[in-house]
Amino acid sequence: MLKFAFIALASGVALASAVASTRLPQKPVYFDGGQYSAALSQGARLWRLQPLAGDDVEVIDRSCMNRTHVPVGVWLVLRDGSGLQLLAPSSTILPADYPQQIALRACGDGGSDTALQVPPVVLVWLETNVNSVLIDD
């Protein structure tokens, strides 16, 4: 009898956890400061820079006109001979035919239509202080 009660209890727990896991969000969940140190809210055109010490700094982008919408997720900041780029890691879901790397350019600088135009002060901050950026709608 005790064995039957234990099996029934274990089955009930397994079923309850399976039902609960189907209600969890299927998208990645990110945490400030630990997984990224800058964030862009594309719709609001707002950059939030997060220094290791001190308060966050918000920069409202009033001058850059971006023609591209960057998929939501955490993007890694790469530095190479051509400047800064964002690289989508495997956890960032990209639409079909969307590039895995996006060039970062200061507002008004030349570049392709796929380059992300960034206020100059943010570009300097990204170059010297940031390894990853959360891009959100």
C-alpha atoms as a PDB file:
ATOM      1  CA  MET A   1       0.000   0.000   0.000  1.00  0.00           C
ATOM      2  CA  LEU A   2       2.825   2.377   0.876  1.00  0.00           C
ATOM      3  CA  LYS A   3       4.577   1.529  -2.394  1.00  0.00           C
ATOM      4  CA  PHE A   4       1.391   2.344  -4.377  1.00  0.00           C
ATOM      5  CA  ALA A   5       1.014   5.709  -2.569  1.00  0.00           C
ATOM      6  CA  PHE A   6       4.633   6.611  -3.316  1.00  0.00           C
ATOM      7  CA  ILE A   7       4.238   5.758  -7.034  1.00  0.00           C
ATOM      8  CA  ALA A   8       1.016   7.777  -7.217  1.00  0.00           C
ATOM      9  CA  LEU A   9       2.689  10.748  -5.513  1.00  0.00           C
ATOM     10  CA  ALA A  10       5.732  10.603  -7.828  1.00  0.00           C
ATOM     11  CA  SER A  11       3.483  10.390 -10.910  1.00  0.00           C
ATOM     12  CA  GLY A  12       1.462  13.383  -9.713  1.00  0.00           C
ATOM     13  CA  VAL A  13       4.593  15.471  -9.156  1.00  0.00           C
ATOM     14  CA  ALA A  14       5.946  14.565 -12.616  1.00  0.00           C
ATOM     15  CA  LEU A  15       2.629  15.464 -14.252  1.00  0.00           C
ATOM     16  CA  ALA A  16       2.396  18.779 -12.370  1.00  0.00           C
ATOM     17  CA  SER A  17       5.940  19.772 -13.342  1.00  0.00           C
ATOM     18  CA  ALA A  18       5.291  18.875 -16.980  1.00  0.00           C
ATOM     19  CA  VAL A  19       2.151  21.044 -17.042  1.00  0.00           C
ATOM     20  CA  ALA A  20       3.960  23.914 -15.296  1.00  0.00           C
ATOM     21  CA  SER A  21       6.882  23.807 -17.747  1.00  0.00           C
ATOM     22  CA  THR A  22       4.554  24.246 -20.723  1.00  0.00           C
ATOM     23  CA  ARG A  23       3.530  27.627 -19.319  1.00  0.00           C
ATOM     24  CA  LEU A  24       7.078  28.971 -19.032  1.00  0.00           C
ATOM     25  CA  PRO A  25       8.141  31.583 -21.587  1.00  0.00           C
ATOM     26  CA  GLN A  26       9.882  30.036 -24.589  1.00  0.00           C
ATOM     27  CA  LYS A  27      12.083  33.105 -25.110  1.00  0.00           C
ATOM     28  CA  PRO A  28      15.400  33.687 -23.323  1.00  0.00           C
ATOM     29  CA  VAL A  29      15.260  35.781 -20.151  1.00  0.00           C
ATOM     30  CA  TYR A  30      18.082  38.287 -19.593  1.00  0.00           C
ATOM     31  CA  PHE A  31      19.312  40.027 -16.435  1.00  0.00           C
ATOM     32  CA  ASP A  32      20.758  43.552 -16.126  1.00  0.00           C
ATOM     33  CA  GLY A  33      24.468  43.810 -15.503  1.00  0.00           C
ATOM     34  CA  GLY A  34      25.180  40.108 -15.679  1.00  0.00           C
ATOM     35  CA  GLN A  35      24.546  39.326 -19.312  1.00  0.00           C
ATOM     36  CA  TYR A  36      24.828  42.755 -20.891  1.00  0.00           C
ATOM     37  CA  SER A  37      26.113  46.209 -19.988  1.00  0.00           C
ATOM     38  CA  ALA A  38      24.161  48.345 -22.459  1.00  0.00           C
ATOM     39  CA  ALA A  39      20.615  48.185 -23.792  1.00  0.00           C
ATOM     40  CA  LEU A  40      18.767  49.665 -26.759  1.00  0.00           C
ATOM     41  CA  SER A  41      14.999  50.123 -26.790  1.00  0.00           C
ATOM     42  CA  GLN A  42      14.503  50.519 -30.527  1.00  0.00           C
ATOM     43  CA  GLY A  43      10.953  51.882 -30.425  1.00  0.00           C
ATOM     44  CA  ALA A  44      11.842  54.589 -27.905  1.00  0.00           C
ATOM     45  CA  ARG A  45      15.268  55.149 -29.520  1.00  0.00           C
ATOM     46  CA  LEU A  46      16.719  54.979 -26.006  1.00  0.00           C
ATOM     47  CA  TRP A  47      20.165  53.665 -25.096  1.00  0.00           C
ATOM     48  CA  ARG A  48      20.782  52.669 -21.455  1.00  0.00           C
ATOM     49  CA  LEU A  49      24.468  52.408 -20.563  1.00  0.00           C
ATOM     50  CA  GLN A  50      25.274  50.500 -17.385  1.00  0.00           C
ATOM     51  CA  PRO A  51      28.659  51.244 -15.802  1.00  0.00           C
ATOM     52  CA  LEU A  52      30.116  48.819 -13.272  1.00  0.00           C
ATOM     53  CA  ALA A  53      29.955  51.525 -10.598  1.00  0.00           C
ATOM     54  CA  GLY A  54      27.397  54.307 -10.487  1.00  0.00           C
ATOM     55  CA  ASP A  55      23.987  54.938 -11.952  1.00  0.00           C
ATOM     56  CA  ASP A  56      22.811  53.958 -15.413  1.00  0.00           C
ATOM     57  CA  VAL A  57      23.124  56.623 -18.099  1.00  0.00           C
ATOM     58  CA  GLU A  58      20.297  57.064 -20.594  1.00  0.00           C
ATOM     59  CA  VAL A  59      20.918  58.532 -24.038  1.00  0.00           C
ATOM     60  CA  ILE A  60      17.950  59.395 -26.227  1.00  0.00           C
ATOM     61  CA  ASP A  61      18.771  59.010 -29.895  1.00  0.00           C
ATOM     62  CA  ARG A  62      17.265  62.060 -31.626  1.00  0.00           C
ATOM     63  CA  SER A  63      19.447  62.224 -34.724  1.00  0.00           C
ATOM     64  CA  CYS A  64      20.037  58.703 -36.062  1.00  0.00           C
ATOM     65  CA  MET A  65      17.617  57.312 -38.575  1.00  0.00           C
ATOM     66  CA  ASN A  66      18.025  53.556 -38.790  1.00  0.00           C
ATOM     67  CA  ARG A  67      16.553  51.737 -41.737  1.00  0.00           C
ATOM     68  CA  THR A  68      17.026  48.338 -40.160  1.00  0.00           C
ATOM     69  CA  HIS A  69      15.187  46.720 -37.273  1.00  0.00           C
ATOM     70  CA  VAL A  70      17.553  44.577 -35.214  1.00  0.00           C
ATOM     71  CA  PRO A  71      16.103  41.319 -33.853  1.00  0.00           C
ATOM     72  CA  VAL A  72      15.555  41.226 -30.095  1.00  0.00           C
ATOM     73  CA  GLY A  73      18.228  39.540 -27.999  1.00  0.00           C
ATOM     74  CA  VAL A  74      21.675  39.925 -26.528  1.00  0.00           C
ATOM     75  CA  TRP A  75      24.330  40.821 -29.126  1.00  0.00           C
ATOM     76  CA  LEU A  76      28.089  40.615 -28.544  1.00  0.00           C
ATOM     77  CA  VAL A  77      30.259  43.661 -29.322  1.00  0.00           C
ATOM     78  CA  LEU A  78      33.189  42.905 -31.647  1.00  0.00           C
ATOM     79  CA  ARG A  79      36.113  45.191 -32.329  1.00  0.00           C
ATOM     80  CA  ASP A  80      38.048  44.765 -35.562  1.00  0.00           C
ATOM     81  CA  GLY A  81      39.912  46.793 -38.167  1.00  0.00           C
ATOM     82  CA  SER A  82      36.688  48.080 -39.728  1.00  0.00           C
ATOM     83  CA  GLY A  83      35.230  49.318 -36.426  1.00  0.00           C
ATOM     84  CA  LEU A  84      32.596  47.959 -34.063  1.00  0.00           C
ATOM     85  CA  GLN A  85      30.133  45.242 -34.944  1.00  0.00           C
ATOM     86  CA  LEU A  86      27.372  43.375 -33.191  1.00  0.00           C
ATOM     87  CA  LEU A  87      27.442  39.579 -33.385  1.00  0.00           C
ATOM     88  CA  ALA A  88      24.353  37.487 -32.690  1.00  0.00           C
ATOM     89  CA  PRO A  89      25.149  34.468 -30.512  1.00  0.00           C
ATOM     90  CA  SER A  90      23.179  31.257 -30.991  1.00  0.00           C
ATOM     91  CA  SER A  91      20.598  32.279 -28.352  1.00  0.00           C
ATOM     92  CA  THR A  92      19.510  35.295 -30.445  1.00  0.00           C
ATOM     93  CA  ILE A  93      16.797  34.218 -32.868  1.00  0.00           C
ATOM     94  CA  LEU A  94      17.363  35.726 -36.303  1.00  0.00           C
ATOM     95  CA  PRO A  95      14.853  35.866 -39.164  1.00  0.00           C
ATOM     96  CA  ALA A  96      15.769  34.004 -42.348  1.00  0.00           C
ATOM     97  CA  ASP A  97      18.407  35.838 -44.412  1.00  0.00           C
ATOM     98  CA  TYR A  98      19.241  38.249 -41.559  1.00  0.00           C
ATOM     99  CA  PRO A  99      23.007  38.756 -41.113  1.00  0.00           C
ATOM    100  CA  GLN A 100      24.652  37.405 -37.975  1.00  0.00           C
ATOM    101  CA  GLN A 101      26.897  40.485 -37.804  1.00  0.00           C
ATOM    102  CA  ILE A 102      25.829  44.138 -37.973  1.00  0.00           C
ATOM    103  CA  ALA A 103      28.232  47.054 -38.337  1.00  0.00           C
ATOM    104  CA  LEU A 104      27.915  49.942 -35.865  1.00  0.00           C
ATOM    105  CA  ARG A 105      28.429  53.431 -37.299  1.00  0.00           C
ATOM    106  CA  ALA A 106      28.198  56.913 -35.844  1.00  0.00           C
ATOM    107  CA  CYS A 107      25.123  58.882 -36.912  1.00  0.00           C
ATOM    108  CA  GLY A 108      25.687  60.431 -40.296  1.00  0.00           C
ATOM    109  CA  ASP A 109      28.685  58.255 -41.190  1.00  0.00           C
ATOM    110  CA  GLY A 110      28.522  56.284 -44.386  1.00  0.00           C
ATOM    111  CA  GLY A 111      27.800  52.617 -44.421  1.00  0.00           C
ATOM    112  CA  SER A 112      25.322  50.115 -45.689  1.00  0.00           C
ATOM    113  CA  ASP A 113      21.604  50.189 -45.003  1.00  0.00           C
ATOM    114  CA  THR A 114      22.090  47.265 -42.627  1.00  0.00           C
ATOM    115  CA  ALA A 115      24.544  49.185 -40.399  1.00  0.00           C
ATOM    116  CA  LEU A 116      23.116  50.346 -37.082  1.00  0.00           C
ATOM    117  CA  GLN A 117      23.516  54.114 -36.697  1.00  0.00           C
ATOM    118  CA  VAL A 118      24.506  55.015 -33.121  1.00  0.00           C
ATOM    119  CA  PRO A 119      24.955  58.400 -31.387  1.00  0.00           C
ATOM    120  CA  PRO A 120      28.713  59.173 -31.222  1.00  0.00           C
ATOM    121  CA  VAL A 121      28.782  59.251 -27.403  1.00  0.00           C
ATOM    122  CA  VAL A 122      27.205  55.785 -27.300  1.00  0.00           C
ATOM    123  CA  LEU A 123      29.647  54.480 -29.907  1.00  0.00           C
ATOM    124  CA  VAL A 124      32.596  55.610 -27.756  1.00  0.00           C
ATOM    125  CA  TRP A 125      31.010  54.018 -24.667  1.00  0.00           C
ATOM    126  CA  LEU A 126      30.430  50.730 -26.508  1.00  0.00           C
ATOM    127  CA  GLU A 127      34.000  50.720 -27.781  1.00  0.00           C
ATOM    128  CA  THR A 128      35.586  51.183 -24.367  1.00  0.00           C
ATOM    129  CA  ASN A 129      33.169  49.697 -21.808  1.00  0.00           C
ATOM    130  CA  VAL A 130      30.753  47.166 -23.301  1.00  0.00           C
ATOM    131  CA  ASN A 131      31.003  43.522 -24.348  1.00  0.00           C
ATOM    132  CA  SER A 132      27.312  42.826 -24.968  1.00  0.00           C
ATOM    133  CA  VAL A 133      24.138  44.788 -25.725  1.00  0.00           C
ATOM    134  CA  LEU A 134      20.504  43.852 -25.137  1.00  0.00           C
ATOM    135  CA  ILE A 135      18.405  44.932 -28.126  1.00  0.00           C
ATOM    136  CA  ASP A 136      14.682  45.200 -27.413  1.00  0.00           C
ATOM    137  CA  ASP A 137      11.657  46.512 -29.261  1.00  0.00           C
END
